[in-house]
Amino acid sequence: MDEQVKALIDTFSSTKIPILRRSRLEIQALIKSGSASAPALADILSHDSLLSACLLRKVSRSPDRLIGTLEQAVLLLGESALLDLVENSPDVDDLLTPARRARFVAQCHYAYLCGRLARHWAFHDEDLHYAESFVAASLHDLAALMLEVCSPQQAPRFDIPTANLNAALARAWNLPQLLQEALDADALIPRRAMLVNLACLILRDAAQGFDNPLQQTRLHRVAEMLKLPVVELQTDIFRQAVAAIREIKDWLAMDISSFVPFFPVLQESVPVATACPLPRQEIGEDAAPHSWSSPGQLIQARLSELSEQAGLSRIVFALLTPDHASLQGRYFHGVEAGSGLHQFQLEREKDEFFFELLSGPQARWIRAGEQRSARAQASYELQSYLEMREFFVASLFVSDKPLGICYADRGSPDCGLDGQAFEQFRSCCDRISRELTMFSHPA
């Protein structure tokens, strides 16, 4: 084993692993009620990857005795020992700064989503041991979670391939066989482990979209293994992602905006408008969620439609970051690559004018007087975006939670706006919110 890898493994092994406060409270309440069962306790553990790893490490003391599921681990350890474990584990919230906690929460969300998707695929593949797939996928990037809870002084960030560190950690802690098979780069990976790997890799790169060749190769591989059309598989991935966020958001004290990293960005080249286009027809009816393979595709299509029908040349859809500290441009139409508007980013501490919109769903037509007010309350970076005399801006909410804002103008200070365009802009933003809510609450 590489000396740097060994040093990190030794650090991880000597660290008292912290757990989520919700995990401790749920397990304490269930065991003390006298109605605990192995499946119920395993369900609680499934929301907390670090606690799961700690439990599996505790019951799997040798390479010849690897435990594959959380339910098996609970039965082996017993309720009394499990209660003692959670009551003597430190609390994540007591250890991490807000910034580190935000990264930790994002990593926990990713781990749970990987586990859920891998379990779903294993079940579809008629694998009777689908519970093992959940555990293997949720612990697939365990080293990243450990690095978040260990300070840089405890665990220096060496230039070590993550896959190598994860594989070494799984072996050192005698973690499940399926996880070790998935992480073993030197062996022929079995079918079950391949599905685990593909679930984790596809989700890891989901924010970059599904259109790049590598993602397409992965999707086609899974589609072939599960005998599903690729488009149906993509839609299925988002259904699982939405279900996962509903299941874990209360455990991580997170809201729907934390789903943002899993919205794919469509890398489409959109021509930049140079003239003042005229409005055409009214915005149409809502589309059912299954009309689109992803929320990102829906958003991009609606922006294109809005541009054509309301005569708006430049449109930016900016999403609220998980910590609610900033708004970052994510989807664009008619915005020149490399331009100031293409770098659209607002900071809560500097750009109060726009963050006030997130107090509730609303759309505003900013005219000359208000535009000067907006500039006065804007950061230096944002002032360079606001060269228009007029623009539209709206806040968008999903399931009563703020998602972001939409900005639109006609691309030139000489191209004024009108009431009809504003009504179409407001209608389109309302429609996007409704359709994204439909995505997050599938029938």
Protein backbone atom coordinates (compact mmCIF):
# COMPACT_ATOMS: atom_id res chain seq x y z
CA MET A 1 0.00 0.00 0.00
CA ASP A 2 1.25 3.51 -0.87
CA GLU A 3 2.64 5.31 2.20
CA GLN A 4 0.33 8.31 1.75
CA VAL A 5 -2.70 6.05 1.39
CA LYS A 6 -1.64 4.10 4.48
CA ALA A 7 -1.22 7.32 6.45
CA LEU A 8 -4.75 8.46 5.56
CA ILE A 9 -6.25 5.05 6.34
CA ASP A 10 -4.53 5.10 9.73
CA THR A 11 -5.96 8.58 10.37
CA PHE A 12 -9.48 7.51 9.35
CA SER A 13 -9.23 4.39 11.51
CA SER A 14 -8.22 6.34 14.61
CA THR A 15 -10.89 9.02 14.12
CA LYS A 16 -14.07 8.80 16.19
CA ILE A 17 -16.61 8.83 13.37
CA PRO A 18 -19.37 11.46 13.76
CA ILE A 19 -22.99 10.72 12.92
CA LEU A 20 -26.09 12.71 12.01
CA ARG A 21 -28.06 13.98 15.00
CA ARG A 22 -31.29 12.72 13.45
CA SER A 23 -29.85 9.18 13.31
CA ARG A 24 -29.06 9.20 17.02
CA LEU A 25 -32.48 10.53 18.01
CA GLU A 26 -34.38 8.09 15.79
CA ILE A 27 -32.44 5.03 16.97
CA GLN A 28 -32.68 6.06 20.64
CA ALA A 29 -36.44 6.59 20.37
CA LEU A 30 -37.07 3.34 18.51
CA ILE A 31 -35.00 1.11 20.79
CA LYS A 32 -36.28 2.69 24.01
CA SER A 33 -39.87 2.31 22.80
CA GLY A 34 -39.43 -1.45 22.86
CA SER A 35 -40.76 -1.82 19.30
CA ALA A 36 -37.42 -1.89 17.44
CA SER A 37 -36.80 -4.41 14.69
CA ALA A 38 -33.79 -5.07 12.48
CA PRO A 39 -35.52 -3.79 9.29
CA ALA A 40 -36.70 -0.59 11.03
CA LEU A 41 -33.25 0.11 12.45
CA ALA A 42 -31.61 -0.67 9.11
CA ASP A 43 -33.92 1.87 7.44
CA ILE A 44 -32.70 4.57 9.83
CA LEU A 45 -29.08 3.59 9.25
CA SER A 46 -29.52 3.78 5.46
CA HIS A 47 -29.80 7.58 5.72
CA ASP A 48 -26.41 7.94 7.42
CA SER A 49 -23.48 6.56 5.42
CA LEU A 50 -20.86 7.22 8.09
CA LEU A 51 -22.87 5.46 10.78
CA SER A 52 -23.47 2.56 8.37
CA ALA A 53 -19.73 2.27 7.70
CA CYS A 54 -18.99 2.40 11.43
CA LEU A 55 -21.49 -0.38 12.13
CA LEU A 56 -20.29 -2.62 9.29
CA ARG A 57 -16.67 -2.14 10.36
CA LYS A 58 -17.58 -3.09 13.92
CA VAL A 59 -19.27 -6.38 12.98
CA SER A 60 -16.91 -7.39 10.15
CA ARG A 61 -13.72 -8.05 12.06
CA SER A 62 -11.99 -10.23 9.43
CA PRO A 63 -11.88 -10.62 5.62
CA ASP A 64 -13.52 -14.02 6.07
CA ARG A 65 -16.58 -12.55 7.77
CA LEU A 66 -17.83 -9.72 5.55
CA ILE A 67 -21.38 -8.51 6.22
CA GLY A 68 -23.27 -7.25 3.19
CA THR A 69 -26.42 -5.57 4.52
CA LEU A 70 -27.36 -3.22 7.33
CA GLU A 71 -30.07 -5.57 8.59
CA GLN A 72 -27.52 -8.38 9.00
CA ALA A 73 -25.19 -5.99 10.81
CA VAL A 74 -27.94 -4.90 13.23
CA LEU A 75 -28.82 -8.52 14.03
CA LEU A 76 -25.16 -9.37 14.69
CA LEU A 77 -24.44 -6.33 16.86
CA GLY A 78 -27.69 -6.28 18.84
CA GLU A 79 -29.87 -3.39 19.98
CA SER A 80 -27.97 -2.66 23.19
CA ALA A 81 -24.57 -2.40 21.45
CA LEU A 82 -26.09 -0.28 18.65
CA LEU A 83 -27.59 2.11 21.19
CA ASP A 84 -24.23 2.36 22.93
CA LEU A 85 -22.54 3.05 19.58
CA VAL A 86 -24.80 5.97 18.63
CA GLU A 87 -24.82 7.50 22.10
CA ASN A 88 -21.01 7.57 22.20
CA SER A 89 -20.49 8.92 18.67
CA PRO A 90 -19.85 12.64 18.16
CA ASP A 91 -22.37 14.82 16.33
CA VAL A 92 -21.54 16.05 12.82
CA ASP A 93 -23.08 19.45 13.57
CA ASP A 94 -20.73 19.95 16.53
CA LEU A 95 -17.62 19.30 14.44
CA LEU A 96 -18.11 21.05 11.10
CA THR A 97 -18.14 24.70 10.10
CA PRO A 98 -21.14 25.82 7.99
CA ALA A 99 -19.06 25.60 4.79
CA ARG A 100 -17.75 22.13 5.55
CA ARG A 101 -21.21 21.01 6.65
CA ALA A 102 -22.66 22.16 3.30
CA ARG A 103 -20.10 20.00 1.46
CA PHE A 104 -20.76 17.11 3.82
CA VAL A 105 -24.52 17.35 3.28
CA ALA A 106 -24.04 17.36 -0.50
CA GLN A 107 -21.84 14.26 -0.21
CA CYS A 108 -24.42 12.50 2.02
CA HIS A 109 -27.14 13.30 -0.49
CA TYR A 110 -25.00 11.88 -3.29
CA ALA A 111 -24.27 8.71 -1.29
CA TYR A 112 -27.95 8.10 -0.52
CA LEU A 113 -28.95 8.76 -4.12
CA CYS A 114 -26.30 6.30 -5.39
CA GLY A 115 -27.55 3.66 -2.99
CA ARG A 116 -31.15 4.14 -3.97
CA LEU A 117 -30.46 4.02 -7.71
CA ALA A 118 -28.19 0.95 -7.44
CA ARG A 119 -30.81 -0.87 -5.35
CA HIS A 120 -33.52 0.03 -7.87
CA TRP A 121 -31.44 -1.31 -10.76
CA ALA A 122 -30.57 -4.50 -8.87
CA PHE A 123 -34.25 -5.10 -8.16
CA HIS A 124 -35.07 -4.50 -11.83
CA ASP A 125 -32.31 -6.99 -12.71
CA GLU A 126 -34.03 -9.58 -10.48
CA ASP A 127 -31.11 -9.64 -8.05
CA LEU A 128 -32.49 -11.06 -4.79
CA HIS A 129 -29.65 -9.42 -2.85
CA TYR A 130 -30.57 -5.88 -3.88
CA ALA A 131 -30.05 -4.62 -0.31
CA GLU A 132 -26.33 -5.29 -0.76
CA SER A 133 -26.31 -3.02 -3.82
CA PHE A 134 -27.68 -0.15 -1.73
CA VAL A 135 -24.90 -0.52 0.85
CA ALA A 136 -22.14 -0.86 -1.73
CA ALA A 137 -23.23 2.21 -3.70
CA SER A 138 -23.86 4.41 -0.65
CA LEU A 139 -20.32 3.65 0.59
CA HIS A 140 -18.71 3.84 -2.85
CA ASP A 141 -17.13 7.23 -2.08
CA LEU A 142 -16.70 6.80 1.66
CA ALA A 143 -13.24 8.42 1.61
CA ALA A 144 -14.77 11.73 0.50
CA LEU A 145 -17.07 11.72 3.55
CA MET A 146 -14.16 10.91 5.84
CA LEU A 147 -12.07 13.72 4.38
CA GLU A 148 -14.90 16.16 5.12
CA VAL A 149 -15.15 15.18 8.79
CA CYS A 150 -11.38 15.09 9.30
CA SER A 151 -9.61 18.45 9.41
CA PRO A 152 -6.82 19.13 6.87
CA GLN A 153 -4.36 18.90 9.77
CA GLN A 154 -5.64 15.41 10.63
CA ALA A 155 -5.83 14.19 7.04
CA PRO A 156 -3.69 16.17 4.55
CA ARG A 157 -5.19 16.25 1.03
CA PHE A 158 -2.53 14.23 -0.76
CA ASP A 159 -2.66 13.89 -4.52
CA ILE A 160 -4.11 10.37 -4.38
CA PRO A 161 -6.65 9.00 -6.88
CA THR A 162 -9.97 8.80 -5.04
CA ALA A 163 -10.65 5.31 -6.38
CA ASN A 164 -7.40 4.02 -4.85
CA LEU A 165 -8.23 5.52 -1.46
CA ASN A 166 -11.79 4.15 -1.46
CA ALA A 167 -10.58 0.67 -2.39
CA ALA A 168 -7.89 0.69 0.30
CA LEU A 169 -10.37 1.93 2.93
CA ALA A 170 -12.93 -0.78 2.02
CA ARG A 171 -10.27 -3.47 2.40
CA ALA A 172 -8.82 -2.07 5.63
CA TRP A 173 -12.26 -1.87 7.28
CA ASN A 174 -13.49 -5.23 5.94
CA LEU A 175 -16.46 -3.56 4.28
CA PRO A 176 -18.93 -5.60 2.16
CA GLN A 177 -17.65 -7.91 -0.55
CA LEU A 178 -19.77 -6.26 -3.26
CA LEU A 179 -18.24 -2.86 -2.45
CA GLN A 180 -14.72 -4.29 -2.63
CA GLU A 181 -15.50 -5.94 -5.97
CA ALA A 182 -16.87 -2.66 -7.36
CA LEU A 183 -13.73 -0.78 -6.29
CA ASP A 184 -11.19 -3.40 -7.39
CA ALA A 185 -9.53 -1.95 -10.50
CA ASP A 186 -7.35 -5.02 -11.02
CA ALA A 187 -10.11 -7.65 -11.21
CA LEU A 188 -12.87 -8.56 -13.61
CA ILE A 189 -15.90 -6.76 -12.17
CA PRO A 190 -19.02 -8.96 -11.75
CA ARG A 191 -22.34 -7.82 -13.22
CA ARG A 192 -23.77 -6.74 -9.84
CA ALA A 193 -20.71 -4.65 -9.03
CA MET A 194 -20.74 -3.15 -12.52
CA LEU A 195 -24.28 -1.82 -11.98
CA VAL A 196 -23.16 -0.29 -8.67
CA ASN A 197 -20.21 1.43 -10.37
CA LEU A 198 -22.32 2.73 -13.24
CA ALA A 199 -24.95 4.16 -10.90
CA CYS A 200 -22.28 6.07 -8.95
CA LEU A 201 -20.41 7.30 -12.04
CA ILE A 202 -23.52 8.47 -13.89
CA LEU A 203 -24.75 10.38 -10.84
CA ARG A 204 -21.32 11.82 -10.10
CA ASP A 205 -21.25 13.50 -13.52
CA ALA A 206 -24.99 14.22 -13.77
CA ALA A 207 -24.50 17.97 -13.37
CA GLN A 208 -22.61 18.03 -16.69
CA GLY A 209 -25.59 16.49 -18.48
CA PHE A 210 -26.22 13.25 -20.32
CA ASP A 211 -25.08 14.34 -23.76
CA ASN A 212 -21.32 13.90 -23.50
CA PRO A 213 -19.88 10.70 -25.04
CA LEU A 214 -18.73 9.17 -21.75
CA GLN A 215 -22.14 9.54 -20.10
CA GLN A 216 -23.83 8.18 -23.22
CA THR A 217 -21.55 5.13 -23.14
CA ARG A 218 -22.47 4.49 -19.50
CA LEU A 219 -26.18 4.97 -20.14
CA HIS A 220 -26.16 2.62 -23.12
CA ARG A 221 -24.30 0.02 -21.06
CA VAL A 222 -26.93 0.12 -18.30
CA ALA A 223 -29.77 0.21 -20.83
CA GLU A 224 -28.36 -2.90 -22.47
CA MET A 225 -27.95 -4.71 -19.13
CA LEU A 226 -31.46 -3.86 -17.94
CA LYS A 227 -33.06 -4.10 -21.40
CA LEU A 228 -34.49 -0.56 -21.21
CA PRO A 229 -34.60 2.24 -23.82
CA VAL A 230 -31.99 4.92 -23.02
CA VAL A 231 -34.59 7.71 -22.85
CA GLU A 232 -36.67 5.69 -20.39
CA LEU A 233 -33.54 5.03 -18.34
CA GLN A 234 -32.71 8.76 -18.14
CA THR A 235 -36.24 9.56 -16.99
CA ASP A 236 -36.02 6.76 -14.45
CA ILE A 237 -32.80 8.21 -13.03
CA PHE A 238 -34.57 11.52 -12.36
CA ARG A 239 -37.56 9.77 -10.81
CA GLN A 240 -35.21 8.03 -8.38
CA ALA A 241 -33.36 11.29 -7.68
CA VAL A 242 -36.58 13.13 -6.86
CA ALA A 243 -37.77 10.30 -4.60
CA ALA A 244 -34.39 10.31 -2.85
CA ILE A 245 -34.47 14.02 -2.08
CA ARG A 246 -37.92 13.65 -0.52
CA GLU A 247 -36.70 10.80 1.66
CA ILE A 248 -33.47 12.32 2.92
CA LYS A 249 -34.05 16.08 3.01
CA ASP A 250 -35.33 16.08 6.62
CA TRP A 251 -32.36 14.03 7.80
CA LEU A 252 -29.88 16.50 6.35
CA ALA A 253 -31.85 19.68 7.11
CA MET A 254 -31.83 20.46 3.41
CA ASP A 255 -34.40 21.81 0.97
CA ILE A 256 -35.26 21.24 -2.65
CA SER A 257 -32.51 23.57 -3.87
CA SER A 258 -29.97 20.94 -2.82
CA PHE A 259 -31.25 18.90 -5.73
CA VAL A 260 -29.68 21.51 -8.01
CA PRO A 261 -26.32 19.73 -8.47
CA PHE A 262 -28.20 16.88 -10.14
CA PHE A 263 -29.91 19.05 -12.75
CA PRO A 264 -28.03 18.39 -15.99
CA VAL A 265 -26.79 21.41 -17.93
CA LEU A 266 -27.61 21.15 -21.60
CA GLN A 267 -24.56 22.19 -23.59
CA GLU A 268 -26.46 23.68 -26.53
CA SER A 269 -25.07 26.42 -28.73
CA VAL A 270 -27.75 29.11 -28.90
CA PRO A 271 -27.32 31.89 -31.47
CA VAL A 272 -27.06 35.39 -30.08
CA ALA A 273 -29.84 37.69 -31.23
CA THR A 274 -28.73 41.04 -32.62
CA ALA A 275 -32.09 42.59 -33.52
CA CYS A 276 -35.27 43.35 -31.54
CA PRO A 277 -37.54 40.36 -32.23
CA LEU A 278 -41.31 40.78 -32.04
CA PRO A 279 -43.63 38.70 -29.82
CA ARG A 280 -45.50 35.92 -31.59
CA GLN A 281 -47.94 33.61 -29.84
CA GLU A 282 -49.08 32.86 -26.29
CA ILE A 283 -47.22 30.43 -24.05
CA GLY A 284 -48.87 26.99 -24.25
CA GLU A 285 -50.24 24.59 -21.65
CA ASP A 286 -48.17 22.77 -19.05
CA ALA A 287 -46.40 19.65 -20.23
CA ALA A 288 -46.53 16.44 -18.22
CA PRO A 289 -43.20 15.50 -16.56
CA HIS A 290 -42.79 12.49 -18.86
CA SER A 291 -42.67 14.86 -21.85
CA TRP A 292 -39.06 15.64 -20.93
CA SER A 293 -36.17 13.36 -20.05
CA SER A 294 -34.85 15.78 -17.41
CA PRO A 295 -35.73 19.03 -15.61
CA GLY A 296 -32.77 20.67 -17.37
CA GLN A 297 -34.16 19.81 -20.78
CA LEU A 298 -37.52 21.26 -19.77
CA ILE A 299 -35.96 24.53 -18.57
CA GLN A 300 -33.85 24.97 -21.69
CA ALA A 301 -36.85 24.31 -23.95
CA ARG A 302 -39.00 26.83 -22.08
CA LEU A 303 -36.31 29.52 -22.33
CA SER A 304 -36.09 29.00 -26.09
CA GLU A 305 -39.86 29.13 -26.37
CA LEU A 306 -40.02 32.30 -24.27
CA SER A 307 -37.42 34.00 -26.45
CA GLU A 308 -39.33 33.24 -29.62
CA GLN A 309 -42.81 34.04 -28.35
CA ALA A 310 -42.13 37.08 -26.15
CA GLY A 311 -39.34 38.60 -28.23
CA LEU A 312 -36.71 38.34 -25.48
CA SER A 313 -33.17 38.06 -26.82
CA ARG A 314 -31.18 37.19 -23.70
CA ILE A 315 -32.45 34.98 -20.88
CA VAL A 316 -30.63 33.62 -17.82
CA PHE A 317 -31.98 31.03 -15.40
CA ALA A 318 -29.94 31.28 -12.18
CA LEU A 319 -30.21 28.64 -9.46
CA LEU A 320 -29.90 29.16 -5.73
CA THR A 321 -26.93 27.33 -4.24
CA PRO A 322 -27.58 24.77 -1.44
CA ASP A 323 -26.33 27.19 1.24
CA HIS A 324 -28.60 29.96 -0.16
CA ALA A 325 -25.61 32.31 -0.26
CA SER A 326 -25.57 32.93 -4.01
CA LEU A 327 -27.44 32.63 -7.28
CA GLN A 328 -25.49 31.16 -10.19
CA GLY A 329 -26.42 31.27 -13.88
CA ARG A 330 -27.07 27.70 -15.01
CA TYR A 331 -29.22 27.86 -18.17
CA PHE A 332 -28.86 30.48 -20.90
CA HIS A 333 -30.52 31.49 -24.13
CA GLY A 334 -29.07 34.08 -26.50
CA VAL A 335 -26.19 34.87 -24.13
CA GLU A 336 -22.79 35.07 -25.78
CA ALA A 337 -20.26 32.64 -24.33
CA GLY A 338 -17.61 34.47 -22.31
CA SER A 339 -19.71 37.62 -21.91
CA GLY A 340 -20.38 39.21 -18.53
CA LEU A 341 -23.93 37.91 -18.50
CA HIS A 342 -22.66 34.40 -19.18
CA GLN A 343 -20.74 34.66 -15.87
CA PHE A 344 -23.97 35.58 -14.07
CA GLN A 345 -23.54 35.20 -10.31
CA LEU A 346 -25.20 37.10 -7.47
CA GLU A 347 -24.08 37.13 -3.83
CA ARG A 348 -26.65 37.52 -1.06
CA GLU A 349 -24.44 39.90 0.92
CA LYS A 350 -23.85 42.18 -2.09
CA ASP A 351 -26.93 41.91 -4.31
CA GLU A 352 -29.84 42.49 -1.95
CA PHE A 353 -32.15 43.79 -4.68
CA PHE A 354 -32.38 40.39 -6.37
CA PHE A 355 -32.43 38.26 -3.24
CA GLU A 356 -35.47 40.19 -1.99
CA LEU A 357 -37.38 38.52 -4.82
CA LEU A 358 -36.89 35.15 -3.13
CA SER A 359 -39.28 36.13 -0.33
CA GLY A 360 -42.06 34.67 -2.49
CA PRO A 361 -43.00 33.88 -6.11
CA GLN A 362 -43.12 37.13 -8.08
CA ALA A 363 -42.21 38.74 -11.39
CA ARG A 364 -41.09 42.36 -11.89
CA TRP A 365 -40.62 44.65 -14.84
CA ILE A 366 -37.61 46.79 -13.94
CA ARG A 367 -37.80 50.16 -15.71
CA ALA A 368 -35.26 52.97 -15.82
CA GLY A 369 -35.81 54.32 -12.27
CA GLU A 370 -35.79 50.92 -10.60
CA GLN A 371 -32.84 49.88 -12.76
CA ARG A 372 -30.77 52.64 -11.17
CA SER A 373 -31.90 51.40 -7.75
CA ALA A 374 -30.89 47.89 -8.68
CA ARG A 375 -27.46 49.08 -9.76
CA ALA A 376 -27.04 51.01 -6.51
CA GLN A 377 -27.69 47.84 -4.49
CA ALA A 378 -25.61 45.57 -6.73
CA SER A 379 -22.07 44.33 -6.54
CA TYR A 380 -19.49 45.70 -8.96
CA GLU A 381 -19.60 42.45 -10.91
CA LEU A 382 -23.37 42.58 -11.30
CA GLN A 383 -23.41 46.20 -12.42
CA SER A 384 -21.70 45.13 -15.63
CA TYR A 385 -24.70 42.90 -16.42
CA LEU A 386 -27.25 45.70 -16.03
CA GLU A 387 -26.50 47.80 -19.09
CA MET A 388 -30.15 47.55 -20.26
CA ARG A 389 -32.60 50.37 -19.57
CA GLU A 390 -35.26 47.75 -18.82
CA PHE A 391 -35.35 44.07 -17.97
CA PHE A 392 -37.66 41.42 -16.54
CA VAL A 393 -36.83 39.33 -13.47
CA ALA A 394 -38.84 36.68 -11.64
CA SER A 395 -38.34 34.32 -8.72
CA LEU A 396 -39.16 30.65 -9.15
CA PHE A 397 -40.26 28.26 -6.43
CA VAL A 398 -40.61 24.47 -6.40
CA SER A 399 -42.74 22.84 -3.70
CA ASP A 400 -42.89 26.22 -1.91
CA LYS A 401 -39.08 26.36 -1.75
CA PRO A 402 -37.01 29.01 -3.59
CA LEU A 403 -35.23 27.55 -6.62
CA GLY A 404 -33.77 30.62 -8.32
CA ILE A 405 -34.53 33.57 -10.59
CA CYS A 406 -35.05 34.18 -14.28
CA TYR A 407 -33.63 37.33 -15.93
CA ALA A 408 -34.58 38.49 -19.44
CA ASP A 409 -34.01 41.50 -21.72
CA ARG A 410 -34.00 42.34 -25.44
CA GLY A 411 -30.25 42.50 -25.89
CA SER A 412 -29.93 46.23 -26.58
CA PRO A 413 -30.64 49.45 -24.62
CA ASP A 414 -32.57 50.64 -27.69
CA CYS A 415 -35.03 47.73 -27.59
CA GLY A 416 -37.76 48.57 -25.10
CA LEU A 417 -40.07 46.10 -23.40
CA ASP A 418 -43.88 46.00 -23.39
CA GLY A 419 -46.77 44.75 -21.31
CA GLN A 420 -47.55 41.80 -23.56
CA ALA A 421 -43.97 40.53 -23.31
CA PHE A 422 -44.08 40.92 -19.52
CA GLU A 423 -47.27 38.87 -19.22
CA GLN A 424 -45.73 36.14 -21.37
CA PHE A 425 -42.54 36.24 -19.28
CA ARG A 426 -44.50 35.96 -16.02
CA SER A 427 -46.69 33.19 -17.44
CA CYS A 428 -43.66 31.21 -18.61
CA CYS A 429 -41.91 31.48 -15.22
CA ASP A 430 -45.07 30.34 -13.43
CA ARG A 431 -45.30 27.45 -15.86
CA ILE A 432 -41.69 26.37 -15.29
CA SER A 433 -42.31 26.36 -11.52
CA ARG A 434 -45.42 24.22 -11.92
CA GLU A 435 -43.73 21.77 -14.27
CA LEU A 436 -40.68 21.41 -12.02
CA THR A 437 -43.02 20.79 -9.09
CA MET A 438 -44.61 18.02 -11.17
CA PHE A 439 -41.12 16.56 -11.61
CA SER A 440 -40.57 16.58 -7.86
CA HIS A 441 -43.96 14.99 -7.17
CA PRO A 442 -44.41 12.36 -9.86
CA ALA A 443 -47.76 10.60 -9.99
